[in-house]
Amino acid sequence: MPNLCPNLEAEVASPDSNTVNMIEYISVGEALKLVALLKCEKRGVLTFVANVDTAFEVTDPRNEGTLFKFMLTRISGEPRTAIAQRNLKNWEELKEFLKNTYTEKG
């Protein structure tokens, strides 16, 4: 017997596209609360990097530029001076710089 509703199975089997694409983001202000100030401590760099990665994951990608600018304000001391002398454009470039400069090579 032919299936009188051939698309019914597909509609029932696949979730509503609106609910699948709904992602909860937090504000830039809330994301900043995840990240403590980074001073000149080598042991704090990896924690800082991990926390900033998390902040970017939970913040709307449209706010990446704003979040990056605010993350720069969370860095002080010698790293801040070194960063100011470079033209780092985004978090990936900054993260690479921090890891290469302020973490011990194993």
N, C-alpha and C. Protein backbone atom coordinates (compact mmCIF):
# COMPACT_ATOMS: atom_id res chain seq x y z
N MET A 1 0.84 -1.17 0.00
CA MET A 1 0.00 0.00 0.00
C MET A 1 0.90 1.24 0.00
N PRO A 2 0.69 2.22 -0.88
CA PRO A 2 1.53 3.40 -0.95
C PRO A 2 1.33 4.29 0.27
N ASN A 3 2.37 4.96 0.65
CA ASN A 3 2.32 5.89 1.78
C ASN A 3 1.61 7.15 1.31
N LEU A 4 0.45 7.47 1.91
CA LEU A 4 -0.32 8.63 1.50
C LEU A 4 0.29 9.94 2.00
N CYS A 5 1.14 9.85 2.97
CA CYS A 5 1.80 11.04 3.52
C CYS A 5 3.31 10.82 3.52
N PRO A 6 3.95 10.88 2.37
CA PRO A 6 5.37 10.54 2.31
C PRO A 6 6.26 11.48 3.14
N ASN A 7 5.86 12.69 3.36
CA ASN A 7 6.70 13.63 4.11
C ASN A 7 6.45 13.58 5.61
N LEU A 8 5.42 12.88 6.03
CA LEU A 8 5.09 12.85 7.44
C LEU A 8 6.21 12.26 8.27
N GLU A 9 6.80 11.17 7.83
CA GLU A 9 7.89 10.55 8.59
C GLU A 9 9.07 11.51 8.72
N ALA A 10 9.42 12.19 7.65
CA ALA A 10 10.55 13.12 7.69
C ALA A 10 10.27 14.26 8.67
N GLU A 11 9.04 14.77 8.67
CA GLU A 11 8.71 15.87 9.57
C GLU A 11 8.73 15.43 11.02
N VAL A 12 8.25 14.24 11.28
CA VAL A 12 8.22 13.74 12.65
C VAL A 12 9.62 13.38 13.12
N ALA A 13 10.45 12.82 12.23
CA ALA A 13 11.77 12.35 12.60
C ALA A 13 12.75 13.50 12.81
N SER A 14 12.58 14.60 12.09
CA SER A 14 13.54 15.70 12.25
C SER A 14 12.96 16.77 13.16
N PRO A 15 13.76 17.24 14.12
CA PRO A 15 13.26 18.28 15.03
C PRO A 15 13.02 19.58 14.30
N ASP A 16 12.22 20.41 14.88
CA ASP A 16 11.93 21.72 14.31
C ASP A 16 13.23 22.51 14.17
N SER A 17 13.47 23.04 12.98
CA SER A 17 14.74 23.73 12.72
C SER A 17 14.92 24.94 13.62
N ASN A 18 13.85 25.57 14.04
CA ASN A 18 13.98 26.73 14.93
C ASN A 18 14.52 26.34 16.30
N THR A 19 14.12 25.19 16.82
CA THR A 19 14.61 24.78 18.13
C THR A 19 16.03 24.25 18.03
N VAL A 20 16.39 23.65 16.91
CA VAL A 20 17.75 23.14 16.76
C VAL A 20 18.74 24.30 16.71
N ASN A 21 18.38 25.40 16.06
CA ASN A 21 19.30 26.51 15.87
C ASN A 21 19.29 27.51 17.02
N MET A 22 18.44 27.32 18.01
CA MET A 22 18.40 28.24 19.14
C MET A 22 19.60 27.98 20.04
N ILE A 23 20.44 28.99 20.18
CA ILE A 23 21.62 28.88 21.03
C ILE A 23 21.53 30.00 22.05
N GLU A 24 21.75 29.65 23.28
CA GLU A 24 21.72 30.64 24.34
C GLU A 24 23.10 31.27 24.46
N TYR A 25 23.17 32.58 24.37
CA TYR A 25 24.41 33.32 24.54
C TYR A 25 24.30 34.19 25.78
N ILE A 26 25.46 34.52 26.34
CA ILE A 26 25.48 35.46 27.44
C ILE A 26 26.01 36.80 26.92
N SER A 27 25.79 37.84 27.67
CA SER A 27 26.23 39.17 27.26
C SER A 27 27.74 39.29 27.41
N VAL A 28 28.30 40.28 26.77
CA VAL A 28 29.74 40.55 26.90
C VAL A 28 30.07 40.84 28.36
N GLY A 29 29.21 41.59 29.04
CA GLY A 29 29.42 41.89 30.45
C GLY A 29 29.48 40.64 31.31
N GLU A 30 28.59 39.71 31.05
CA GLU A 30 28.60 38.45 31.79
C GLU A 30 29.84 37.63 31.45
N ALA A 31 30.25 37.64 30.18
CA ALA A 31 31.44 36.91 29.76
C ALA A 31 32.68 37.44 30.45
N LEU A 32 32.73 38.75 30.67
CA LEU A 32 33.89 39.34 31.34
C LEU A 32 34.04 38.83 32.77
N LYS A 33 32.95 38.45 33.38
CA LYS A 33 33.01 37.93 34.74
C LYS A 33 33.73 36.58 34.81
N LEU A 34 33.85 35.91 33.67
CA LEU A 34 34.53 34.62 33.62
C LEU A 34 36.04 34.76 33.65
N VAL A 35 36.54 35.96 33.37
CA VAL A 35 37.97 36.14 33.14
C VAL A 35 38.58 37.07 34.20
N ALA A 36 39.49 36.51 34.98
CA ALA A 36 40.20 37.30 35.98
C ALA A 36 41.32 38.09 35.31
N LEU A 37 41.80 39.08 35.98
CA LEU A 37 42.89 39.91 35.48
C LEU A 37 44.16 39.07 35.32
N LEU A 38 44.84 39.22 34.21
CA LEU A 38 46.11 38.54 33.97
C LEU A 38 47.23 39.53 34.24
N LYS A 39 48.11 39.15 35.16
CA LYS A 39 49.27 39.99 35.44
C LYS A 39 50.47 39.33 34.77
N CYS A 40 51.59 39.33 35.39
CA CYS A 40 52.80 38.80 34.76
C CYS A 40 53.12 37.39 35.26
N GLU A 41 52.14 36.64 35.65
CA GLU A 41 52.37 35.32 36.20
C GLU A 41 52.26 34.27 35.09
N LYS A 42 53.34 33.53 34.88
CA LYS A 42 53.33 32.52 33.82
C LYS A 42 52.28 31.43 34.10
N ARG A 43 52.12 31.07 35.34
CA ARG A 43 51.18 29.99 35.64
C ARG A 43 49.73 30.41 35.41
N GLY A 44 49.48 31.72 35.40
CA GLY A 44 48.13 32.19 35.19
C GLY A 44 47.72 32.30 33.73
N VAL A 45 48.68 32.21 32.82
CA VAL A 45 48.38 32.40 31.40
C VAL A 45 47.45 31.31 30.87
N LEU A 46 47.73 30.07 31.18
CA LEU A 46 46.89 28.98 30.65
C LEU A 46 45.47 29.06 31.20
N THR A 47 45.34 29.45 32.46
CA THR A 47 44.01 29.62 33.03
C THR A 47 43.29 30.78 32.35
N PHE A 48 43.99 31.88 32.15
CA PHE A 48 43.43 33.03 31.46
C PHE A 48 42.96 32.62 30.06
N VAL A 49 43.81 31.93 29.33
CA VAL A 49 43.48 31.50 27.96
C VAL A 49 42.25 30.60 27.97
N ALA A 50 42.20 29.65 28.87
CA ALA A 50 41.04 28.75 28.94
C ALA A 50 39.76 29.51 29.26
N ASN A 51 39.84 30.47 30.18
CA ASN A 51 38.66 31.25 30.55
C ASN A 51 38.20 32.15 29.40
N VAL A 52 39.14 32.75 28.69
CA VAL A 52 38.76 33.58 27.55
C VAL A 52 38.16 32.72 26.44
N ASP A 53 38.73 31.54 26.21
CA ASP A 53 38.14 30.62 25.22
C ASP A 53 36.68 30.34 25.58
N THR A 54 36.42 30.07 26.85
CA THR A 54 35.06 29.81 27.31
C THR A 54 34.17 31.03 27.08
N ALA A 55 34.69 32.21 27.39
CA ALA A 55 33.92 33.44 27.19
C ALA A 55 33.52 33.60 25.73
N PHE A 56 34.44 33.31 24.81
CA PHE A 56 34.11 33.42 23.39
C PHE A 56 33.10 32.36 22.96
N GLU A 57 33.17 31.18 23.55
CA GLU A 57 32.23 30.11 23.21
C GLU A 57 30.80 30.45 23.61
N VAL A 58 30.63 31.16 24.70
CA VAL A 58 29.28 31.41 25.22
C VAL A 58 28.74 32.79 24.87
N THR A 59 29.50 33.53 24.06
CA THR A 59 29.08 34.86 23.64
C THR A 59 28.74 34.84 22.15
N ASP A 60 27.74 35.57 21.78
CA ASP A 60 27.31 35.65 20.38
C ASP A 60 28.50 36.04 19.50
N PRO A 61 28.78 35.26 18.45
CA PRO A 61 29.92 35.56 17.57
C PRO A 61 29.90 36.97 16.98
N ARG A 62 28.73 37.56 16.89
CA ARG A 62 28.65 38.94 16.39
C ARG A 62 29.31 39.94 17.34
N ASN A 63 29.55 39.52 18.57
CA ASN A 63 30.16 40.40 19.58
C ASN A 63 31.66 40.12 19.78
N GLU A 64 32.26 39.33 18.89
CA GLU A 64 33.66 38.95 19.07
C GLU A 64 34.60 40.15 19.15
N GLY A 65 34.41 41.14 18.29
CA GLY A 65 35.28 42.32 18.30
C GLY A 65 35.21 43.07 19.62
N THR A 66 34.01 43.25 20.11
CA THR A 66 33.81 43.95 21.38
C THR A 66 34.41 43.14 22.53
N LEU A 67 34.15 41.85 22.53
CA LEU A 67 34.68 41.00 23.60
C LEU A 67 36.21 41.01 23.57
N PHE A 68 36.80 40.96 22.39
CA PHE A 68 38.26 40.99 22.27
C PHE A 68 38.82 42.29 22.89
N LYS A 69 38.21 43.41 22.58
CA LYS A 69 38.69 44.68 23.13
C LYS A 69 38.61 44.69 24.65
N PHE A 70 37.52 44.16 25.19
CA PHE A 70 37.40 44.11 26.65
C PHE A 70 38.39 43.12 27.27
N MET A 71 38.68 42.02 26.58
CA MET A 71 39.64 41.05 27.10
C MET A 71 41.03 41.68 27.20
N LEU A 72 41.35 42.57 26.28
CA LEU A 72 42.63 43.27 26.35
C LEU A 72 42.74 44.08 27.64
N THR A 73 41.62 44.59 28.13
CA THR A 73 41.65 45.37 29.36
C THR A 73 41.87 44.50 30.59
N ARG A 74 41.75 43.19 30.44
CA ARG A 74 41.93 42.26 31.55
C ARG A 74 43.40 41.85 31.70
N ILE A 75 44.28 42.44 30.89
CA ILE A 75 45.70 42.12 30.92
C ILE A 75 46.46 43.35 31.40
N SER A 76 47.36 43.15 32.36
CA SER A 76 48.12 44.28 32.89
C SER A 76 49.60 43.92 32.98
N GLY A 77 50.38 44.87 33.40
CA GLY A 77 51.80 44.64 33.60
C GLY A 77 52.56 44.49 32.29
N GLU A 78 53.65 43.73 32.36
CA GLU A 78 54.52 43.55 31.21
C GLU A 78 53.81 42.95 30.00
N PRO A 79 52.91 41.97 30.19
CA PRO A 79 52.21 41.46 29.00
C PRO A 79 51.42 42.54 28.27
N ARG A 80 50.83 43.46 29.01
CA ARG A 80 50.05 44.54 28.38
C ARG A 80 50.95 45.41 27.51
N THR A 81 52.15 45.72 28.01
CA THR A 81 53.10 46.52 27.25
C THR A 81 53.53 45.79 25.99
N ALA A 82 53.84 44.50 26.12
CA ALA A 82 54.27 43.71 24.97
C ALA A 82 53.16 43.60 23.93
N ILE A 83 51.94 43.45 24.36
CA ILE A 83 50.80 43.34 23.45
C ILE A 83 50.57 44.66 22.72
N ALA A 84 50.73 45.76 23.44
CA ALA A 84 50.50 47.08 22.84
C ALA A 84 51.47 47.36 21.69
N GLN A 85 52.63 46.72 21.72
CA GLN A 85 53.63 46.93 20.67
C GLN A 85 53.38 46.07 19.44
N ARG A 86 52.40 45.21 19.50
CA ARG A 86 52.07 44.33 18.37
C ARG A 86 50.72 44.72 17.81
N ASN A 87 50.49 44.30 16.60
CA ASN A 87 49.20 44.60 15.96
C ASN A 87 48.35 43.32 15.96
N LEU A 88 47.96 42.90 17.15
CA LEU A 88 47.17 41.67 17.27
C LEU A 88 45.71 42.02 17.01
N LYS A 89 45.11 41.35 16.04
CA LYS A 89 43.78 41.73 15.57
C LYS A 89 42.62 40.96 16.19
N ASN A 90 42.89 39.79 16.76
CA ASN A 90 41.79 38.98 17.28
C ASN A 90 42.30 38.07 18.40
N TRP A 91 41.36 37.35 19.00
CA TRP A 91 41.70 36.50 20.13
C TRP A 91 42.66 35.39 19.74
N GLU A 92 42.52 34.81 18.58
CA GLU A 92 43.41 33.72 18.18
C GLU A 92 44.86 34.20 18.11
N GLU A 93 45.09 35.40 17.56
CA GLU A 93 46.44 35.95 17.50
C GLU A 93 46.97 36.25 18.90
N LEU A 94 46.13 36.83 19.74
CA LEU A 94 46.55 37.14 21.11
C LEU A 94 46.84 35.87 21.89
N LYS A 95 45.98 34.88 21.75
CA LYS A 95 46.18 33.62 22.45
C LYS A 95 47.50 32.98 22.05
N GLU A 96 47.79 32.95 20.77
CA GLU A 96 49.05 32.39 20.28
C GLU A 96 50.24 33.14 20.87
N PHE A 97 50.16 34.47 20.87
CA PHE A 97 51.23 35.29 21.43
C PHE A 97 51.43 34.98 22.92
N LEU A 98 50.35 34.95 23.69
CA LEU A 98 50.46 34.68 25.12
C LEU A 98 51.06 33.31 25.39
N LYS A 99 50.59 32.31 24.68
CA LYS A 99 51.10 30.95 24.91
C LYS A 99 52.57 30.83 24.52
N ASN A 100 52.95 31.45 23.41
CA ASN A 100 54.35 31.37 22.96
C ASN A 100 55.29 32.17 23.84
N THR A 101 54.81 33.26 24.39
CA THR A 101 55.67 34.17 25.14
C THR A 101 55.69 33.88 26.64
N TYR A 102 54.56 33.48 27.19
CA TYR A 102 54.45 33.41 28.65
C TYR A 102 54.20 32.02 29.24
N THR A 103 54.31 30.99 28.44
CA THR A 103 54.20 29.64 29.00
C THR A 103 55.51 28.90 28.78
N GLU A 104 55.78 27.98 29.66
CA GLU A 104 57.02 27.22 29.55
C GLU A 104 56.87 26.16 28.48
N LYS A 105 57.90 26.03 27.68
CA LYS A 105 57.90 25.00 26.63
C LYS A 105 58.28 23.68 27.26
N GLY A 106 57.49 22.66 26.97
CA GLY A 106 57.75 21.35 27.57
C GLY A 106 58.68 20.59 26.76
